[in-house]
PDB file of N, CA and C in Angstrom:
ATOM      1  N   TYR A   1     -15.466  20.026  -7.089  1.00  0.00           N
ATOM      2  CA  TYR A   1     -16.134  18.854  -6.889  1.00  0.00           C
ATOM      3  C   TYR A   1     -17.207  18.800  -5.461  1.00  0.00           C
ATOM      4  N   ASP A   2     -18.092  18.257  -5.772  1.00  0.00           N
ATOM      5  CA  ASP A   2     -19.234  18.324  -4.742  1.00  0.00           C
ATOM      6  C   ASP A   2     -19.429  16.860  -4.135  1.00  0.00           C
ATOM      7  N   PHE A   3     -19.372  17.099  -2.676  1.00  0.00           N
ATOM      8  CA  PHE A   3     -19.413  15.837  -1.760  1.00  0.00           C
ATOM      9  C   PHE A   3     -20.761  15.892  -1.305  1.00  0.00           C
ATOM     10  N   ASN A   4     -21.266  14.789  -1.525  1.00  0.00           N
ATOM     11  CA  ASN A   4     -23.128  14.859  -0.605  1.00  0.00           C
ATOM     12  C   ASN A   4     -22.342  13.940   1.055  1.00  0.00           C
ATOM     13  N   VAL A   5     -22.739  15.284   2.257  1.00  0.00           N
ATOM     14  CA  VAL A   5     -22.161  14.672   3.270  1.00  0.00           C
ATOM     15  C   VAL A   5     -23.714  14.772   4.395  1.00  0.00           C
ATOM     16  N   THR A   6     -25.028  14.209   3.652  1.00  0.00           N
ATOM     17  CA  THR A   6     -25.982  14.313   4.305  1.00  0.00           C
ATOM     18  C   THR A   6     -25.757  13.218   5.528  1.00  0.00           C
ATOM     19  N   ARG A   7     -25.259  11.867   4.692  1.00  0.00           N
ATOM     20  CA  ARG A   7     -25.398  10.742   5.939  1.00  0.00           C
ATOM     21  C   ARG A   7     -24.508  11.015   7.157  1.00  0.00           C
ATOM     22  N   ALA A   8     -23.575  12.080   6.809  1.00  0.00           N
ATOM     23  CA  ALA A   8     -22.268  12.175   7.992  1.00  0.00           C
ATOM     24  C   ALA A   8     -22.882  13.268   8.704  1.00  0.00           C
ATOM     25  N   MET A   9     -23.910  13.960   8.793  1.00  0.00           N
ATOM     26  CA  MET A   9     -24.714  14.937   9.401  1.00  0.00           C
ATOM     27  C   MET A   9     -25.337  14.235  10.477  1.00  0.00           C
ATOM     28  N   TYR A  10     -25.404  14.914  11.953  1.00  0.00           N
ATOM     29  CA  TYR A  10     -26.526  14.523  12.814  1.00  0.00           C
ATOM     30  C   TYR A  10     -27.814  15.143  12.813  1.00  0.00           C
ATOM     31  N   PHE A  11     -28.860  14.549  12.947  1.00  0.00           N
ATOM     32  CA  PHE A  11     -30.207  15.351  13.135  1.00  0.00           C
ATOM     33  C   PHE A  11     -30.968  14.683  14.331  1.00  0.00           C
ATOM     34  N   SER A  12     -31.560  15.513  14.813  1.00  0.00           N
ATOM     35  CA  SER A  12     -32.453  15.159  16.085  1.00  0.00           C
ATOM     36  C   SER A  12     -33.600  14.323  15.524  1.00  0.00           C
ATOM     37  N   TYR A  13     -34.302  13.646  16.247  1.00  0.00           N
ATOM     38  CA  TYR A  13     -35.436  12.989  15.934  1.00  0.00           C
ATOM     39  C   TYR A  13     -36.540  14.074  15.339  1.00  0.00           C
ATOM     40  N   GLU A  14     -36.828  15.168  15.734  1.00  0.00           N
ATOM     41  CA  GLU A  14     -37.674  15.928  15.101  1.00  0.00           C
ATOM     42  C   GLU A  14     -37.530  16.547  13.841  1.00  0.00           C
ATOM     43  N   GLU A  15     -35.947  16.823  13.948  1.00  0.00           N
ATOM     44  CA  GLU A  15     -35.548  17.404  12.686  1.00  0.00           C
ATOM     45  C   GLU A  15     -35.640  16.464  11.420  1.00  0.00           C
ATOM     46  N   SER A  16     -35.087  14.790  11.554  1.00  0.00           N
ATOM     47  CA  SER A  16     -35.172  13.566  10.762  1.00  0.00           C
ATOM     48  C   SER A  16     -36.744  13.730  10.186  1.00  0.00           C
ATOM     49  N   THR A  17     -37.873  13.932  10.601  1.00  0.00           N
ATOM     50  CA  THR A  17     -38.999  13.906  10.393  1.00  0.00           C
ATOM     51  C   THR A  17     -39.676  14.836   9.630  1.00  0.00           C
ATOM     52  N   VAL A  18     -39.097  16.122   9.560  1.00  0.00           N
ATOM     53  CA  VAL A  18     -39.659  17.156   8.387  1.00  0.00           C
ATOM     54  C   VAL A  18     -38.977  17.039   7.562  1.00  0.00           C
ATOM     55  N   GLY A  19     -39.608  16.431   6.358  1.00  0.00           N
ATOM     56  CA  GLY A  19     -38.752  16.301   5.180  1.00  0.00           C
ATOM     57  C   GLY A  19     -37.561  15.855   5.071  1.00  0.00           C
ATOM     58  N   SER A  20     -36.861  16.050   3.626  1.00  0.00           N
ATOM     59  CA  SER A  20     -35.825  15.323   3.536  1.00  0.00           C
ATOM     60  C   SER A  20     -34.702  16.212   3.598  1.00  0.00           C
ATOM     61  N   HIS A  21     -33.465  15.954   3.826  1.00  0.00           N
ATOM     62  CA  HIS A  21     -32.121  17.007   4.102  1.00  0.00           C
ATOM     63  C   HIS A  21     -31.243  16.390   2.920  1.00  0.00           C
ATOM     64  N   ASN A  22     -30.362  17.398   2.617  1.00  0.00           N
ATOM     65  CA  ASN A  22     -29.223  17.023   1.607  1.00  0.00           C
ATOM     66  C   ASN A  22     -28.223  18.081   1.631  1.00  0.00           C
ATOM     67  N   PHE A  23     -27.299  17.806   2.101  1.00  0.00           N
ATOM     68  CA  PHE A  23     -26.247  18.513   2.608  1.00  0.00           C
ATOM     69  C   PHE A  23     -25.196  18.466   1.694  1.00  0.00           C
ATOM     70  N   PHE A  24     -24.315  18.967   0.661  1.00  0.00           N
ATOM     71  CA  PHE A  24     -23.058  19.344   0.144  1.00  0.00           C
ATOM     72  C   PHE A  24     -22.252  20.084   0.750  1.00  0.00           C
ATOM     73  N   VAL A  25     -21.011  19.742   0.265  1.00  0.00           N
ATOM     74  CA  VAL A  25     -19.998  20.689   0.259  1.00  0.00           C
ATOM     75  C   VAL A  25     -19.066  20.743  -0.904  1.00  0.00           C
ATOM     76  N   ARG A  26     -18.071  21.825  -1.204  1.00  0.00           N
ATOM     77  CA  ARG A  26     -17.710  21.900  -2.209  1.00  0.00           C
ATOM     78  C   ARG A  26     -16.198  21.764  -2.020  1.00  0.00           C
ATOM     79  N   GLN A  27     -15.685  21.407  -3.179  1.00  0.00           N
ATOM     80  CA  GLN A  27     -14.035  21.465  -2.747  1.00  0.00           C
ATOM     81  C   GLN A  27     -13.367  21.794  -4.385  1.00  0.00           C
ATOM     82  N   PRO A  28     -13.079  23.102  -4.541  1.00  0.00           N
ATOM     83  CA  PRO A  28     -12.475  23.388  -5.507  1.00  0.00           C
ATOM     84  C   PRO A  28     -11.480  22.545  -6.025  1.00  0.00           C
ATOM     85  N   ARG A  29     -11.266  22.654  -7.188  1.00  0.00           N
ATOM     86  CA  ARG A  29     -10.169  22.077  -7.913  1.00  0.00           C
ATOM     87  C   ARG A  29      -9.278  22.887  -8.830  1.00  0.00           C
ATOM     88  N   LEU A  30      -8.033  22.607  -8.797  1.00  0.00           N
ATOM     89  CA  LEU A  30      -7.278  23.545  -9.618  1.00  0.00           C
ATOM     90  C   LEU A  30      -6.985  22.991 -11.174  1.00  0.00           C
ATOM     91  N   ASN A  31      -7.391  24.091 -12.000  1.00  0.00           N
ATOM     92  CA  ASN A  31      -7.299  23.466 -13.316  1.00  0.00           C
ATOM     93  C   ASN A  31      -6.288  24.241 -14.171  1.00  0.00           C
ATOM     94  N   HIS A  32      -5.269  23.542 -14.241  1.00  0.00           N
ATOM     95  CA  HIS A  32      -4.139  24.309 -15.328  1.00  0.00           C
ATOM     96  C   HIS A  32      -3.800  24.301 -16.379  1.00  0.00           C
ATOM     97  N   LYS A  33      -3.233  24.885 -17.035  1.00  0.00           N
ATOM     98  CA  LYS A  33      -2.761  24.357 -18.459  1.00  0.00           C
ATOM     99  C   LYS A  33      -2.275  23.045 -18.427  1.00  0.00           C
ATOM    100  N   PRO A  34      -2.363  22.788 -19.801  1.00  0.00           N
ATOM    101  CA  PRO A  34      -1.793  21.035 -19.892  1.00  0.00           C
ATOM    102  C   PRO A  34      -0.112  21.372 -19.686  1.00  0.00           C
ATOM    103  N   PHE A  35       0.438  20.352 -19.348  1.00  0.00           N
ATOM    104  CA  PHE A  35       2.175  20.443 -19.475  1.00  0.00           C
ATOM    105  C   PHE A  35       2.484  18.959 -19.551  1.00  0.00           C
ATOM    106  N   SER A  36       3.986  19.162 -19.649  1.00  0.00           N
ATOM    107  CA  SER A  36       4.298  17.583 -19.947  1.00  0.00           C
ATOM    108  C   SER A  36       5.815  17.730 -18.986  1.00  0.00           C
ATOM    109  N   VAL A  37       5.797  16.419 -18.540  1.00  0.00           N
ATOM    110  CA  VAL A  37       7.245  16.115 -17.604  1.00  0.00           C
ATOM    111  C   VAL A  37       8.352  15.149 -18.360  1.00  0.00           C
ATOM    112  N   THR A  38       9.374  15.575 -18.434  1.00  0.00           N
ATOM    113  CA  THR A  38      10.447  14.693 -19.337  1.00  0.00           C
ATOM    114  C   THR A  38      11.547  13.926 -18.088  1.00  0.00           C
ATOM    115  N   PHE A  39      11.647  12.778 -18.123  1.00  0.00           N
ATOM    116  CA  PHE A  39      12.803  12.177 -17.350  1.00  0.00           C
ATOM    117  C   PHE A  39      13.623  11.422 -18.079  1.00  0.00           C
ATOM    118  N   ASP A  40      15.043  11.994 -17.705  1.00  0.00           N
ATOM    119  CA  ASP A  40      16.302  11.452 -18.549  1.00  0.00           C
ATOM    120  C   ASP A  40      16.806  10.358 -17.343  1.00  0.00           C
ATOM    121  N   VAL A  41      16.895   9.116 -17.691  1.00  0.00           N
ATOM    122  CA  VAL A  41      17.612   8.005 -17.144  1.00  0.00           C
ATOM    123  C   VAL A  41      18.482   7.587 -17.620  1.00  0.00           C
ATOM    124  N   LYS A  42      19.616   7.481 -16.752  1.00  0.00           N
ATOM    125  CA  LYS A  42      20.838   6.646 -17.237  1.00  0.00           C
ATOM    126  C   LYS A  42      21.306   5.659 -16.381  1.00  0.00           C
ATOM    127  N   SER A  43      21.260   4.507 -16.604  1.00  0.00           N
ATOM    128  CA  SER A  43      21.657   3.363 -15.770  1.00  0.00           C
ATOM    129  C   SER A  43      22.678   2.341 -16.305  1.00  0.00           C
ATOM    130  N   ASP A  44      23.503   1.737 -15.670  1.00  0.00           N
ATOM    131  CA  ASP A  44      24.330   0.634 -16.307  1.00  0.00           C
ATOM    132  C   ASP A  44      23.350  -0.877 -16.545  1.00  0.00           C
ATOM    133  N   VAL A  45      22.027  -0.808 -15.684  1.00  0.00           N
ATOM    134  CA  VAL A  45      21.507  -2.091 -15.795  1.00  0.00           C
ATOM    135  C   VAL A  45      20.171  -1.840 -16.586  1.00  0.00           C
ATOM    136  N   GLU A  46      19.569  -2.445 -17.401  1.00  0.00           N
ATOM    137  CA  GLU A  46      18.047  -2.485 -17.760  1.00  0.00           C
ATOM    138  C   GLU A  46      17.354  -3.126 -16.629  1.00  0.00           C
ATOM    139  N   SER A  47      16.284  -2.137 -16.478  1.00  0.00           N
ATOM    140  CA  SER A  47      15.361  -2.573 -15.527  1.00  0.00           C
ATOM    141  C   SER A  47      14.089  -1.986 -15.613  1.00  0.00           C
ATOM    142  N   GLU A  48      12.833  -2.576 -15.335  1.00  0.00           N
ATOM    143  CA  GLU A  48      11.554  -1.983 -15.084  1.00  0.00           C
ATOM    144  C   GLU A  48      11.496  -1.214 -13.710  1.00  0.00           C
ATOM    145  N   VAL A  49      11.101   0.265 -14.092  1.00  0.00           N
ATOM    146  CA  VAL A  49      10.984   1.262 -12.694  1.00  0.00           C
ATOM    147  C   VAL A  49       9.804   1.632 -12.625  1.00  0.00           C
ATOM    148  N   VAL A  50       9.444   2.238 -11.748  1.00  0.00           N
ATOM    149  CA  VAL A  50       8.502   3.225 -11.393  1.00  0.00           C
ATOM    150  C   VAL A  50       8.837   4.559 -10.782  1.00  0.00           C
ATOM    151  N   ILE A  51       8.334   5.914 -11.673  1.00  0.00           N
ATOM    152  CA  ILE A  51       8.674   6.967 -11.139  1.00  0.00           C
ATOM    153  C   ILE A  51       7.499   7.548 -10.716  1.00  0.00           C
ATOM    154  N   LYS A  52       7.600   8.146  -9.512  1.00  0.00           N
ATOM    155  CA  LYS A  52       6.275   8.671  -8.665  1.00  0.00           C
ATOM    156  C   LYS A  52       6.600  10.432  -8.386  1.00  0.00           C
ATOM    157  N   LEU A  53       5.913  11.294  -9.109  1.00  0.00           N
ATOM    158  CA  LEU A  53       5.724  12.501  -9.319  1.00  0.00           C
ATOM    159  C   LEU A  53       4.821  13.118  -8.404  1.00  0.00           C
ATOM    160  N   PHE A  54       5.177  13.938  -7.164  1.00  0.00           N
ATOM    161  CA  PHE A  54       4.462  14.254  -6.045  1.00  0.00           C
ATOM    162  C   PHE A  54       4.166  16.034  -6.427  1.00  0.00           C
ATOM    163  N   MET A  55       3.342  16.358  -6.752  1.00  0.00           N
ATOM    164  CA  MET A  55       3.272  17.807  -6.983  1.00  0.00           C
ATOM    165  C   MET A  55       2.305  18.457  -5.848  1.00  0.00           C
ATOM    166  N   ALA A  56       2.994  19.852  -5.642  1.00  0.00           N
ATOM    167  CA  ALA A  56       2.113  20.688  -4.413  1.00  0.00           C
ATOM    168  C   ALA A  56       2.721  21.901  -4.695  1.00  0.00           C
ATOM    169  N   PRO A  57       1.629  23.021  -3.903  1.00  0.00           N
ATOM    170  CA  PRO A  57       2.001  24.339  -4.558  1.00  0.00           C
ATOM    171  C   PRO A  57       3.085  25.001  -4.077  1.00  0.00           C
ATOM    172  N   LYS A  58       3.519  25.766  -4.531  1.00  0.00           N
ATOM    173  CA  LYS A  58       4.859  26.516  -3.968  1.00  0.00           C
ATOM    174  C   LYS A  58       4.588  27.382  -2.808  1.00  0.00           C
ATOM    175  N   TYR A  59       3.548  27.863  -2.567  1.00  0.00           N
ATOM    176  CA  TYR A  59       2.932  28.996  -1.646  1.00  0.00           C
ATOM    177  C   TYR A  59       1.662  28.482  -0.931  1.00  0.00           C
ATOM    178  N   ASP A  60       1.691  28.922   0.179  1.00  0.00           N
ATOM    179  CA  ASP A  60       0.612  28.468   1.160  1.00  0.00           C
ATOM    180  C   ASP A  60      -0.735  29.749   0.846  1.00  0.00           C
ATOM    181  N   GLY A  61      -1.656  29.194   1.141  1.00  0.00           N
ATOM    182  CA  GLY A  61      -2.802  30.356   0.935  1.00  0.00           C
ATOM    183  C   GLY A  61      -2.606  31.521   1.446  1.00  0.00           C
ATOM    184  N   GLU A  62      -1.778  31.960   2.252  1.00  0.00           N
ATOM    185  CA  GLU A  62      -1.327  33.292   2.806  1.00  0.00           C
ATOM    186  C   GLU A  62      -0.278  34.027   1.888  1.00  0.00           C
ATOM    187  N   GLY A  63       0.181  33.135   1.059  1.00  0.00           N
ATOM    188  CA  GLY A  63       1.452  33.407   0.185  1.00  0.00           C
ATOM    189  C   GLY A  63       2.861  33.399   0.376  1.00  0.00           C
ATOM    190  N   ARG A  64       2.873  32.587   1.429  1.00  0.00           N
ATOM    191  CA  ARG A  64       4.150  32.275   2.061  1.00  0.00           C
ATOM    192  C   ARG A  64       4.916  31.145   1.472  1.00  0.00           C
ATOM    193  N   LEU A  65       5.881  31.147   1.458  1.00  0.00           N
ATOM    194  CA  LEU A  65       6.811  30.099   0.863  1.00  0.00           C
ATOM    195  C   LEU A  65       6.527  28.677   1.431  1.00  0.00           C
ATOM    196  N   LEU A  66       6.370  27.417   0.643  1.00  0.00           N
ATOM    197  CA  LEU A  66       6.212  26.502   1.478  1.00  0.00           C
ATOM    198  C   LEU A  66       7.608  25.674   1.203  1.00  0.00           C
ATOM    199  N   THR A  67       8.038  24.991   2.409  1.00  0.00           N
ATOM    200  CA  THR A  67       9.263  24.305   2.749  1.00  0.00           C
ATOM    201  C   THR A  67       9.179  22.797   2.299  1.00  0.00           C
ATOM    202  N   LEU A  68       9.840  22.180   1.960  1.00  0.00           N
ATOM    203  CA  LEU A  68       9.685  20.537   1.987  1.00  0.00           C
ATOM    204  C   LEU A  68      10.086  20.133   3.314  1.00  0.00           C
TER     205      LEU A  68
END
């Protein structure tokens, strides 16, 4: 994913008068195979609920196990 960060950059007066500047940064995105998740919920009371699933990598960029 590319972000335009041109407006976040500081330019001196001289730099700002020489042509136009466009600066972009790239954030790689993880593309994974499709998957599914199943929640089995048992309750004595019928109610509307919200289930939130937080996903994170198991290992950091150095291959070390991340702890919660």
